[in-house]
Amino acid sequence: MSDELCLVYVTTKDAEQAKSISYHLLKKKLIACSNIIPNMSSNYFWNGKFENSNECVLLLKTTNNLFNKLETEIENQHSYDCPCIFSIPIQNCGKKYKQWLLTQLGEVND
């Protein structure tokens, strides 16, 4: 169903990259809104080596049916070889906010 909402979680190298990706996705109407959370600490292994880095979290509000296009656009804009991109289903959402979000994405058929 086209109006099933999701939150897409993405990490970026910094706030500037997050802003750039967000603006690109907003222009393409693949997201209705984004939130940028700077200065997140990440711990992980990459190529067998322990890494600790400061990153930025980018939260994107969209619909499930736009995820594949969104993923492609993020990968084209992102500096990482393997960017973290995943969606979290939204089970409940305020009616007014959902209406606004769907309107931003051009998915309201009134």
N, C-alpha and C. Protein backbone atom coordinates (compact mmCIF):
# COMPACT_ATOMS: atom_id res chain seq x y z
N MET A 1 0.84 -1.19 0.00
CA MET A 1 0.00 0.00 0.00
C MET A 1 0.89 1.25 0.00
N SER A 2 0.58 2.22 -0.81
CA SER A 2 1.46 3.37 -1.01
C SER A 2 1.55 4.27 0.22
N ASP A 3 0.55 4.24 1.10
CA ASP A 3 0.61 5.17 2.22
C ASP A 3 1.17 4.55 3.50
N GLU A 4 1.84 3.41 3.39
CA GLU A 4 2.51 2.83 4.55
C GLU A 4 3.79 3.60 4.80
N LEU A 5 3.87 4.23 5.95
CA LEU A 5 4.99 5.10 6.27
C LEU A 5 6.16 4.32 6.82
N CYS A 6 7.35 4.88 6.62
CA CYS A 6 8.54 4.32 7.24
C CYS A 6 9.51 5.45 7.56
N LEU A 7 10.38 5.16 8.50
CA LEU A 7 11.46 6.04 8.87
C LEU A 7 12.74 5.38 8.34
N VAL A 8 13.51 6.10 7.57
CA VAL A 8 14.75 5.55 7.02
C VAL A 8 15.91 6.13 7.81
N TYR A 9 16.75 5.22 8.30
CA TYR A 9 17.92 5.55 9.11
C TYR A 9 19.15 5.47 8.23
N VAL A 10 19.94 6.55 8.22
CA VAL A 10 21.15 6.62 7.41
C VAL A 10 22.24 7.26 8.27
N THR A 11 23.46 6.77 8.15
CA THR A 11 24.58 7.46 8.79
C THR A 11 25.43 8.11 7.70
N THR A 12 25.98 9.26 8.03
CA THR A 12 26.83 10.00 7.09
C THR A 12 28.11 10.42 7.80
N LYS A 13 29.09 10.85 7.02
CA LYS A 13 30.39 11.23 7.59
C LYS A 13 30.31 12.52 8.41
N ASP A 14 29.35 13.40 8.05
CA ASP A 14 29.22 14.67 8.78
C ASP A 14 27.88 15.32 8.45
N ALA A 15 27.59 16.42 9.14
CA ALA A 15 26.31 17.11 8.96
C ALA A 15 26.17 17.71 7.57
N GLU A 16 27.27 18.15 6.98
CA GLU A 16 27.20 18.72 5.63
C GLU A 16 26.73 17.68 4.62
N GLN A 17 27.27 16.47 4.71
CA GLN A 17 26.83 15.42 3.81
C GLN A 17 25.36 15.07 4.07
N ALA A 18 24.97 15.02 5.32
CA ALA A 18 23.57 14.74 5.66
C ALA A 18 22.64 15.81 5.07
N LYS A 19 23.03 17.08 5.20
CA LYS A 19 22.22 18.17 4.64
C LYS A 19 22.13 18.07 3.12
N SER A 20 23.24 17.76 2.49
CA SER A 20 23.27 17.65 1.03
C SER A 20 22.36 16.51 0.55
N ILE A 21 22.46 15.36 1.18
CA ILE A 21 21.62 14.22 0.80
C ILE A 21 20.16 14.55 1.06
N SER A 22 19.87 15.15 2.21
CA SER A 22 18.50 15.51 2.56
C SER A 22 17.89 16.45 1.53
N TYR A 23 18.62 17.49 1.17
CA TYR A 23 18.12 18.46 0.20
C TYR A 23 17.86 17.80 -1.15
N HIS A 24 18.77 16.95 -1.58
CA HIS A 24 18.62 16.22 -2.84
C HIS A 24 17.34 15.38 -2.83
N LEU A 25 17.10 14.67 -1.74
CA LEU A 25 15.91 13.81 -1.63
C LEU A 25 14.63 14.62 -1.53
N LEU A 26 14.68 15.75 -0.85
CA LEU A 26 13.50 16.63 -0.77
C LEU A 26 13.14 17.16 -2.15
N LYS A 27 14.13 17.58 -2.92
CA LYS A 27 13.87 18.10 -4.27
C LYS A 27 13.23 17.04 -5.15
N LYS A 28 13.62 15.78 -4.97
CA LYS A 28 13.08 14.69 -5.78
C LYS A 28 11.75 14.15 -5.23
N LYS A 29 11.28 14.73 -4.12
CA LYS A 29 10.04 14.31 -3.45
C LYS A 29 10.07 12.84 -3.04
N LEU A 30 11.25 12.39 -2.60
CA LEU A 30 11.39 11.03 -2.09
C LEU A 30 11.24 10.97 -0.58
N ILE A 31 11.34 12.14 0.06
CA ILE A 31 11.10 12.26 1.50
C ILE A 31 10.24 13.50 1.74
N ALA A 32 9.53 13.48 2.86
CA ALA A 32 8.74 14.65 3.23
C ALA A 32 9.51 15.54 4.20
N CYS A 33 10.41 14.92 4.95
CA CYS A 33 11.09 15.64 6.02
C CYS A 33 12.32 14.85 6.42
N SER A 34 13.29 15.54 6.98
CA SER A 34 14.47 14.85 7.53
C SER A 34 14.85 15.47 8.86
N ASN A 35 15.53 14.69 9.66
CA ASN A 35 16.12 15.16 10.91
C ASN A 35 17.60 14.77 10.88
N ILE A 36 18.44 15.69 11.29
CA ILE A 36 19.87 15.45 11.30
C ILE A 36 20.35 15.52 12.74
N ILE A 37 20.99 14.44 13.18
CA ILE A 37 21.52 14.36 14.53
C ILE A 37 23.03 14.28 14.43
N PRO A 38 23.73 15.37 14.76
CA PRO A 38 25.19 15.39 14.60
C PRO A 38 25.90 14.69 15.76
N ASN A 39 27.18 14.43 15.54
CA ASN A 39 28.10 13.95 16.58
C ASN A 39 27.69 12.64 17.25
N MET A 40 27.39 11.66 16.44
CA MET A 40 27.09 10.33 16.94
C MET A 40 28.38 9.52 16.87
N SER A 41 28.66 8.73 17.89
CA SER A 41 29.87 7.91 17.90
C SER A 41 29.53 6.51 17.42
N SER A 42 30.30 6.00 16.47
CA SER A 42 30.08 4.66 15.91
C SER A 42 31.30 3.78 16.17
N ASN A 43 31.05 2.54 16.55
CA ASN A 43 32.09 1.53 16.74
C ASN A 43 31.75 0.35 15.86
N TYR A 44 32.74 -0.13 15.09
CA TYR A 44 32.48 -1.23 14.16
C TYR A 44 33.81 -1.78 13.64
N PHE A 45 33.74 -2.94 13.02
CA PHE A 45 34.89 -3.48 12.32
C PHE A 45 34.72 -3.23 10.83
N TRP A 46 35.77 -2.74 10.19
CA TRP A 46 35.77 -2.53 8.74
C TRP A 46 37.06 -3.09 8.19
N ASN A 47 36.93 -4.02 7.25
CA ASN A 47 38.10 -4.69 6.67
C ASN A 47 38.99 -5.30 7.76
N GLY A 48 38.34 -5.90 8.77
CA GLY A 48 39.06 -6.59 9.84
C GLY A 48 39.69 -5.69 10.89
N LYS A 49 39.48 -4.39 10.78
CA LYS A 49 40.09 -3.43 11.71
C LYS A 49 39.00 -2.74 12.53
N PHE A 50 39.22 -2.62 13.84
CA PHE A 50 38.28 -1.90 14.70
C PHE A 50 38.31 -0.42 14.36
N GLU A 51 37.14 0.15 14.19
CA GLU A 51 37.01 1.58 13.87
C GLU A 51 36.14 2.26 14.92
N ASN A 52 36.48 3.47 15.22
CA ASN A 52 35.66 4.35 16.06
C ASN A 52 35.63 5.68 15.33
N SER A 53 34.44 6.13 14.97
CA SER A 53 34.35 7.38 14.22
C SER A 53 33.14 8.20 14.67
N ASN A 54 33.25 9.48 14.44
CA ASN A 54 32.11 10.37 14.66
C ASN A 54 31.34 10.43 13.35
N GLU A 55 30.05 10.24 13.45
CA GLU A 55 29.19 10.30 12.27
C GLU A 55 27.97 11.16 12.59
N CYS A 56 27.12 11.25 11.62
CA CYS A 56 25.89 12.00 11.74
C CYS A 56 24.74 11.05 11.39
N VAL A 57 23.65 11.13 12.13
CA VAL A 57 22.47 10.32 11.82
C VAL A 57 21.50 11.17 11.01
N LEU A 58 21.02 10.59 9.94
CA LEU A 58 20.03 11.23 9.08
C LEU A 58 18.76 10.38 9.15
N LEU A 59 17.68 10.95 9.66
CA LEU A 59 16.39 10.27 9.74
C LEU A 59 15.47 10.84 8.67
N LEU A 60 14.93 9.97 7.84
CA LEU A 60 14.13 10.39 6.70
C LEU A 60 12.71 9.84 6.82
N LYS A 61 11.72 10.68 6.61
CA LYS A 61 10.33 10.26 6.67
C LYS A 61 9.77 10.12 5.27
N THR A 62 9.27 8.92 4.97
CA THR A 62 8.82 8.60 3.63
C THR A 62 7.81 7.46 3.67
N THR A 63 7.56 6.86 2.52
CA THR A 63 6.67 5.69 2.44
C THR A 63 7.47 4.48 1.97
N ASN A 64 6.97 3.30 2.30
CA ASN A 64 7.65 2.06 1.93
C ASN A 64 7.86 1.95 0.42
N ASN A 65 6.89 2.37 -0.36
CA ASN A 65 7.01 2.20 -1.81
C ASN A 65 8.09 3.09 -2.44
N LEU A 66 8.60 4.07 -1.71
CA LEU A 66 9.67 4.93 -2.22
C LEU A 66 11.06 4.47 -1.78
N PHE A 67 11.13 3.43 -0.94
CA PHE A 67 12.42 3.04 -0.37
C PHE A 67 13.46 2.68 -1.43
N ASN A 68 13.12 1.89 -2.41
CA ASN A 68 14.12 1.46 -3.40
C ASN A 68 14.71 2.64 -4.17
N LYS A 69 13.86 3.59 -4.57
CA LYS A 69 14.36 4.79 -5.26
C LYS A 69 15.23 5.61 -4.31
N LEU A 70 14.77 5.73 -3.08
CA LEU A 70 15.50 6.47 -2.05
C LEU A 70 16.88 5.87 -1.82
N GLU A 71 16.94 4.56 -1.70
CA GLU A 71 18.21 3.87 -1.49
C GLU A 71 19.19 4.15 -2.64
N THR A 72 18.71 4.06 -3.86
CA THR A 72 19.56 4.33 -5.03
C THR A 72 20.09 5.75 -5.00
N GLU A 73 19.24 6.71 -4.72
CA GLU A 73 19.66 8.12 -4.68
C GLU A 73 20.68 8.36 -3.57
N ILE A 74 20.45 7.76 -2.40
CA ILE A 74 21.40 7.93 -1.30
C ILE A 74 22.75 7.34 -1.69
N GLU A 75 22.75 6.13 -2.24
CA GLU A 75 24.01 5.50 -2.63
C GLU A 75 24.75 6.33 -3.67
N ASN A 76 24.03 6.99 -4.58
CA ASN A 76 24.66 7.84 -5.59
C ASN A 76 25.26 9.11 -5.00
N GLN A 77 24.72 9.58 -3.88
CA GLN A 77 25.16 10.83 -3.25
C GLN A 77 26.18 10.61 -2.12
N HIS A 78 26.23 9.40 -1.60
CA HIS A 78 26.98 9.11 -0.38
C HIS A 78 28.46 8.85 -0.66
N SER A 79 29.31 9.19 0.30
CA SER A 79 30.75 8.98 0.15
C SER A 79 31.20 7.59 0.61
N TYR A 80 30.38 6.87 1.36
CA TYR A 80 30.78 5.55 1.86
C TYR A 80 30.63 4.49 0.79
N ASP A 81 31.50 3.48 0.84
CA ASP A 81 31.38 2.33 -0.05
C ASP A 81 30.14 1.49 0.29
N CYS A 82 29.80 1.45 1.56
CA CYS A 82 28.70 0.62 2.05
C CYS A 82 27.89 1.42 3.08
N PRO A 83 27.09 2.39 2.61
CA PRO A 83 26.36 3.22 3.57
C PRO A 83 25.28 2.44 4.32
N CYS A 84 25.11 2.81 5.57
CA CYS A 84 24.03 2.23 6.39
C CYS A 84 22.72 2.89 5.96
N ILE A 85 21.82 2.10 5.41
CA ILE A 85 20.51 2.59 4.97
C ILE A 85 19.50 1.49 5.31
N PHE A 86 18.60 1.76 6.24
CA PHE A 86 17.53 0.79 6.49
C PHE A 86 16.27 1.51 6.93
N SER A 87 15.15 0.83 6.74
CA SER A 87 13.87 1.44 7.09
C SER A 87 13.29 0.78 8.33
N ILE A 88 12.53 1.58 9.04
CA ILE A 88 11.81 1.14 10.23
C ILE A 88 10.34 1.45 9.97
N PRO A 89 9.46 0.44 9.99
CA PRO A 89 8.05 0.71 9.73
C PRO A 89 7.44 1.58 10.82
N ILE A 90 6.57 2.45 10.42
CA ILE A 90 5.84 3.30 11.36
C ILE A 90 4.45 2.68 11.55
N GLN A 91 4.19 2.21 12.74
CA GLN A 91 2.92 1.53 13.00
C GLN A 91 1.79 2.51 13.28
N ASN A 92 2.10 3.59 13.94
CA ASN A 92 1.09 4.57 14.28
C ASN A 92 1.62 5.95 13.97
N CYS A 93 0.73 6.81 13.52
CA CYS A 93 1.13 8.17 13.18
C CYS A 93 -0.08 9.07 13.34
N GLY A 94 0.14 10.27 13.85
CA GLY A 94 -0.96 11.23 13.96
C GLY A 94 -1.59 11.49 12.60
N LYS A 95 -2.90 11.57 12.56
CA LYS A 95 -3.62 11.72 11.29
C LYS A 95 -3.21 12.98 10.53
N LYS A 96 -3.09 14.09 11.24
CA LYS A 96 -2.74 15.35 10.57
C LYS A 96 -1.31 15.29 10.01
N TYR A 97 -0.39 14.71 10.79
CA TYR A 97 0.99 14.61 10.32
C TYR A 97 1.08 13.66 9.13
N LYS A 98 0.38 12.55 9.20
CA LYS A 98 0.40 11.59 8.09
C LYS A 98 -0.15 12.24 6.83
N GLN A 99 -1.23 12.97 6.95
CA GLN A 99 -1.82 13.67 5.80
C GLN A 99 -0.80 14.65 5.20
N TRP A 100 -0.13 15.42 6.07
CA TRP A 100 0.87 16.37 5.60
C TRP A 100 2.01 15.64 4.89
N LEU A 101 2.51 14.56 5.51
CA LEU A 101 3.62 13.81 4.93
C LEU A 101 3.26 13.27 3.56
N LEU A 102 2.10 12.65 3.44
CA LEU A 102 1.68 12.09 2.15
C LEU A 102 1.48 13.19 1.11
N THR A 103 0.99 14.33 1.54
CA THR A 103 0.81 15.46 0.62
C THR A 103 2.17 15.92 0.08
N GLN A 104 3.19 15.99 0.94
CA GLN A 104 4.53 16.39 0.52
C GLN A 104 5.10 15.44 -0.53
N LEU A 105 4.74 14.17 -0.42
CA LEU A 105 5.25 13.16 -1.35
C LEU A 105 4.37 13.00 -2.59
N GLY A 106 3.28 13.75 -2.64
CA GLY A 106 2.39 13.66 -3.79
C GLY A 106 1.58 12.37 -3.80
N GLU A 107 1.35 11.79 -2.63
CA GLU A 107 0.67 10.50 -2.57
C GLU A 107 -0.74 10.59 -1.98
N VAL A 108 -1.29 11.79 -1.91
CA VAL A 108 -2.66 11.94 -1.42
C VAL A 108 -3.59 12.06 -2.61
N ASN A 109 -4.60 11.26 -2.63
CA ASN A 109 -5.57 11.26 -3.74
C ASN A 109 -6.90 11.82 -3.27
N ASP A 110 -6.92 13.11 -2.98
CA ASP A 110 -8.19 13.74 -2.54
C ASP A 110 -9.00 14.23 -3.71
